Amino acid sequence: MSAQGLVAGSLGAAGVICAGFAVRSERRMHRHRQPGVTYAAATLRRDGGWRRADLFTPEGLRHQARAARLGFMTVVLWVLALAAVVVLAE
């Protein structure tokens, strides 16, 4: 296996793992909606329900922040994997 494949594959796989944890945190966030708030009411909004205490409990907001961090980390890892493919091309 080439260095390009090893580096890009490792970064890409790490990105997939981060994406999985982000999805898990997002799903946990929805378990902590305020009483009476539906999934659609919390999700299908212009602001996406971002940092809204009227939609989520404090625990849900912590899961939301974790999901956002992991989602950003996923994008960074996938961009680095793509850069590794380009930079290490033979």
N, C-alpha and C. Protein backbone atom coordinates (compact mmCIF):
# COMPACT_ATOMS: atom_id res chain seq x y z
N MET A 1 0.85 -1.17 0.00
CA MET A 1 0.00 0.00 0.00
C MET A 1 0.89 1.24 0.00
N SER A 2 0.52 2.23 -0.75
CA SER A 2 1.33 3.45 -0.86
C SER A 2 1.09 4.36 0.34
N ALA A 3 2.01 5.29 0.51
CA ALA A 3 1.87 6.27 1.59
C ALA A 3 0.62 7.11 1.37
N GLN A 4 0.33 7.42 0.12
CA GLN A 4 -0.86 8.20 -0.20
C GLN A 4 -2.12 7.49 0.26
N GLY A 5 -2.23 6.22 -0.07
CA GLY A 5 -3.40 5.45 0.32
C GLY A 5 -3.52 5.28 1.82
N LEU A 6 -2.39 5.07 2.47
CA LEU A 6 -2.40 4.89 3.92
C LEU A 6 -2.82 6.16 4.65
N VAL A 7 -2.22 7.29 4.27
CA VAL A 7 -2.54 8.55 4.94
C VAL A 7 -3.98 8.98 4.63
N ALA A 8 -4.34 8.97 3.34
CA ALA A 8 -5.69 9.40 2.95
C ALA A 8 -6.75 8.45 3.52
N GLY A 9 -6.47 7.17 3.50
CA GLY A 9 -7.42 6.21 4.04
C GLY A 9 -7.61 6.35 5.54
N SER A 10 -6.52 6.59 6.25
CA SER A 10 -6.60 6.77 7.70
C SER A 10 -7.39 8.02 8.06
N LEU A 11 -7.10 9.12 7.35
CA LEU A 11 -7.84 10.36 7.61
C LEU A 11 -9.32 10.20 7.24
N GLY A 12 -9.58 9.56 6.13
CA GLY A 12 -10.96 9.34 5.72
C GLY A 12 -11.72 8.46 6.69
N ALA A 13 -11.07 7.41 7.16
CA ALA A 13 -11.71 6.51 8.13
C ALA A 13 -11.97 7.23 9.45
N ALA A 14 -11.02 8.05 9.88
CA ALA A 14 -11.22 8.83 11.11
C ALA A 14 -12.40 9.78 10.93
N GLY A 15 -12.55 10.34 9.72
CA GLY A 15 -13.69 11.20 9.44
C GLY A 15 -15.01 10.46 9.51
N VAL A 16 -15.03 9.24 9.01
CA VAL A 16 -16.26 8.43 9.07
C VAL A 16 -16.62 8.12 10.52
N ILE A 17 -15.64 7.83 11.33
CA ILE A 17 -15.89 7.56 12.74
C ILE A 17 -16.44 8.81 13.43
N CYS A 18 -15.84 9.97 13.15
CA CYS A 18 -16.34 11.23 13.72
C CYS A 18 -17.76 11.50 13.26
N ALA A 19 -18.06 11.23 12.00
CA ALA A 19 -19.42 11.44 11.49
C ALA A 19 -20.41 10.55 12.23
N GLY A 20 -20.02 9.32 12.50
CA GLY A 20 -20.90 8.42 13.26
C GLY A 20 -21.18 8.93 14.65
N PHE A 21 -20.14 9.45 15.33
CA PHE A 21 -20.35 10.02 16.66
C PHE A 21 -21.19 11.29 16.59
N ALA A 22 -21.04 12.07 15.53
CA ALA A 22 -21.86 13.28 15.38
C ALA A 22 -23.33 12.92 15.23
N VAL A 23 -23.61 11.90 14.43
CA VAL A 23 -25.00 11.46 14.25
C VAL A 23 -25.56 10.94 15.56
N ARG A 24 -24.75 10.20 16.30
CA ARG A 24 -25.19 9.68 17.60
C ARG A 24 -25.53 10.82 18.55
N SER A 25 -24.68 11.85 18.58
CA SER A 25 -24.94 12.99 19.45
C SER A 25 -26.19 13.74 19.02
N GLU A 26 -26.39 13.86 17.71
CA GLU A 26 -27.58 14.53 17.20
C GLU A 26 -28.84 13.77 17.61
N ARG A 27 -28.80 12.46 17.52
CA ARG A 27 -29.96 11.66 17.93
C ARG A 27 -30.21 11.78 19.43
N ARG A 28 -29.14 11.79 20.21
CA ARG A 28 -29.29 11.96 21.66
C ARG A 28 -29.86 13.33 21.99
N MET A 29 -29.47 14.33 21.20
CA MET A 29 -30.00 15.67 21.41
C MET A 29 -31.52 15.66 21.34
N HIS A 30 -32.05 14.94 20.37
CA HIS A 30 -33.50 14.92 20.19
C HIS A 30 -34.23 14.16 21.29
N ARG A 31 -33.53 13.36 22.04
CA ARG A 31 -34.16 12.71 23.20
C ARG A 31 -34.40 13.71 24.32
N HIS A 32 -33.74 14.87 24.23
CA HIS A 32 -33.82 15.88 25.29
C HIS A 32 -34.54 17.14 24.80
N ARG A 33 -35.58 16.95 24.01
CA ARG A 33 -36.41 18.09 23.61
C ARG A 33 -37.29 18.48 24.80
N GLN A 34 -37.67 19.74 24.82
CA GLN A 34 -38.59 20.21 25.86
C GLN A 34 -39.93 19.50 25.66
N PRO A 35 -40.70 19.33 26.72
CA PRO A 35 -42.02 18.68 26.59
C PRO A 35 -42.90 19.39 25.56
N GLY A 36 -43.52 18.61 24.71
CA GLY A 36 -44.42 19.14 23.70
C GLY A 36 -43.77 19.58 22.40
N VAL A 37 -42.44 19.57 22.33
CA VAL A 37 -41.73 19.97 21.11
C VAL A 37 -41.52 18.73 20.26
N THR A 38 -42.02 18.74 19.03
CA THR A 38 -41.87 17.60 18.14
C THR A 38 -40.53 17.66 17.41
N TYR A 39 -40.18 16.53 16.82
CA TYR A 39 -38.95 16.46 16.02
C TYR A 39 -39.00 17.50 14.90
N ALA A 40 -40.14 17.58 14.21
CA ALA A 40 -40.27 18.53 13.10
C ALA A 40 -40.17 19.97 13.59
N ALA A 41 -40.78 20.27 14.73
CA ALA A 41 -40.73 21.64 15.25
C ALA A 41 -39.31 22.04 15.63
N ALA A 42 -38.50 21.08 16.06
CA ALA A 42 -37.13 21.39 16.46
C ALA A 42 -36.16 21.38 15.29
N THR A 43 -36.48 20.65 14.22
CA THR A 43 -35.53 20.46 13.13
C THR A 43 -35.84 21.29 11.90
N LEU A 44 -37.08 21.33 11.50
CA LEU A 44 -37.45 21.98 10.25
C LEU A 44 -37.72 23.47 10.47
N ARG A 45 -36.68 24.19 10.80
CA ARG A 45 -36.76 25.63 11.06
C ARG A 45 -35.60 26.31 10.34
N ARG A 46 -35.73 27.58 10.12
CA ARG A 46 -34.64 28.31 9.47
C ARG A 46 -33.36 28.27 10.29
N ASP A 47 -33.49 28.43 11.59
CA ASP A 47 -32.30 28.43 12.45
C ASP A 47 -31.87 27.02 12.84
N GLY A 48 -32.62 26.01 12.45
CA GLY A 48 -32.27 24.63 12.77
C GLY A 48 -32.38 24.29 14.24
N GLY A 49 -32.97 25.18 15.03
CA GLY A 49 -33.08 24.92 16.46
C GLY A 49 -31.77 25.11 17.20
N TRP A 50 -30.85 25.82 16.59
CA TRP A 50 -29.51 25.95 17.16
C TRP A 50 -29.53 26.76 18.44
N ARG A 51 -29.05 26.17 19.52
CA ARG A 51 -28.93 26.79 20.84
C ARG A 51 -30.22 27.43 21.31
N ARG A 52 -31.29 26.72 21.17
CA ARG A 52 -32.60 27.24 21.58
C ARG A 52 -33.06 26.51 22.83
N ALA A 53 -33.00 27.19 23.97
CA ALA A 53 -33.40 26.58 25.23
C ALA A 53 -34.91 26.34 25.29
N ASP A 54 -35.67 27.01 24.42
CA ASP A 54 -37.11 26.76 24.40
C ASP A 54 -37.44 25.46 23.66
N LEU A 55 -36.45 24.91 22.94
CA LEU A 55 -36.65 23.65 22.22
C LEU A 55 -35.99 22.46 22.91
N PHE A 56 -34.82 22.69 23.52
CA PHE A 56 -34.05 21.60 24.11
C PHE A 56 -33.70 21.89 25.56
N THR A 57 -33.55 20.82 26.34
CA THR A 57 -33.09 20.95 27.72
C THR A 57 -31.60 21.26 27.70
N PRO A 58 -31.02 21.64 28.83
CA PRO A 58 -29.57 21.89 28.87
C PRO A 58 -28.76 20.67 28.42
N GLU A 59 -29.21 19.48 28.78
CA GLU A 59 -28.52 18.26 28.33
C GLU A 59 -28.59 18.13 26.82
N GLY A 60 -29.74 18.43 26.23
CA GLY A 60 -29.88 18.38 24.78
C GLY A 60 -29.00 19.39 24.09
N LEU A 61 -28.83 20.56 24.69
CA LEU A 61 -27.96 21.58 24.11
C LEU A 61 -26.49 21.15 24.18
N ARG A 62 -26.12 20.42 25.23
CA ARG A 62 -24.75 19.88 25.30
C ARG A 62 -24.52 18.86 24.19
N HIS A 63 -25.51 18.00 23.94
CA HIS A 63 -25.39 17.03 22.85
C HIS A 63 -25.33 17.76 21.50
N GLN A 64 -26.07 18.85 21.38
CA GLN A 64 -26.06 19.62 20.14
C GLN A 64 -24.67 20.22 19.90
N ALA A 65 -24.07 20.77 20.92
CA ALA A 65 -22.73 21.35 20.78
C ALA A 65 -21.70 20.27 20.44
N ARG A 66 -21.82 19.11 21.06
CA ARG A 66 -20.91 18.00 20.76
C ARG A 66 -21.06 17.55 19.32
N ALA A 67 -22.30 17.46 18.85
CA ALA A 67 -22.55 17.05 17.47
C ALA A 67 -21.95 18.06 16.50
N ALA A 68 -22.06 19.34 16.81
CA ALA A 68 -21.49 20.38 15.94
C ALA A 68 -19.97 20.28 15.88
N ARG A 69 -19.34 20.08 17.03
CA ARG A 69 -17.87 19.94 17.05
C ARG A 69 -17.43 18.73 16.25
N LEU A 70 -18.12 17.61 16.44
CA LEU A 70 -17.75 16.39 15.72
C LEU A 70 -18.02 16.52 14.23
N GLY A 71 -19.08 17.20 13.86
CA GLY A 71 -19.36 17.43 12.44
C GLY A 71 -18.28 18.28 11.80
N PHE A 72 -17.83 19.32 12.50
CA PHE A 72 -16.76 20.16 11.98
C PHE A 72 -15.47 19.36 11.85
N MET A 73 -15.18 18.52 12.86
CA MET A 73 -13.98 17.70 12.82
C MET A 73 -14.04 16.72 11.64
N THR A 74 -15.22 16.22 11.35
CA THR A 74 -15.41 15.33 10.21
C THR A 74 -15.04 16.02 8.91
N VAL A 75 -15.52 17.22 8.72
CA VAL A 75 -15.21 17.97 7.50
C VAL A 75 -13.72 18.22 7.39
N VAL A 76 -13.09 18.61 8.49
CA VAL A 76 -11.65 18.87 8.48
C VAL A 76 -10.88 17.61 8.09
N LEU A 77 -11.23 16.49 8.68
CA LEU A 77 -10.54 15.24 8.36
C LEU A 77 -10.72 14.84 6.91
N TRP A 78 -11.92 15.01 6.36
CA TRP A 78 -12.16 14.65 4.96
C TRP A 78 -11.43 15.59 4.01
N VAL A 79 -11.33 16.87 4.36
CA VAL A 79 -10.56 17.80 3.53
C VAL A 79 -9.07 17.44 3.59
N LEU A 80 -8.58 17.09 4.77
CA LEU A 80 -7.18 16.66 4.88
C LEU A 80 -6.93 15.38 4.09
N ALA A 81 -7.90 14.46 4.08
CA ALA A 81 -7.75 13.24 3.29
C ALA A 81 -7.66 13.57 1.81
N LEU A 82 -8.50 14.47 1.36
CA LEU A 82 -8.46 14.89 -0.04
C LEU A 82 -7.15 15.58 -0.36
N ALA A 83 -6.66 16.42 0.55
CA ALA A 83 -5.37 17.09 0.35
C ALA A 83 -4.25 16.08 0.30
N ALA A 84 -4.32 15.04 1.11
CA ALA A 84 -3.28 14.00 1.09
C ALA A 84 -3.28 13.28 -0.24
N VAL A 85 -4.44 13.04 -0.82
CA VAL A 85 -4.51 12.39 -2.12
C VAL A 85 -3.82 13.26 -3.17
N VAL A 86 -4.08 14.56 -3.12
CA VAL A 86 -3.51 15.48 -4.11
C VAL A 86 -2.02 15.67 -3.90
N VAL A 87 -1.61 15.93 -2.66
CA VAL A 87 -0.21 16.24 -2.36
C VAL A 87 0.67 15.02 -2.53
N LEU A 88 0.20 13.86 -2.14
CA LEU A 88 1.04 12.66 -2.20
C LEU A 88 0.87 11.88 -3.51
N ALA A 89 0.22 12.49 -4.49
CA ALA A 89 0.02 11.81 -5.78
C ALA A 89 1.40 11.57 -6.42
N GLU A 90 1.54 10.41 -6.99
CA GLU A 90 2.85 10.05 -7.59
C GLU A 90 2.88 10.36 -9.05
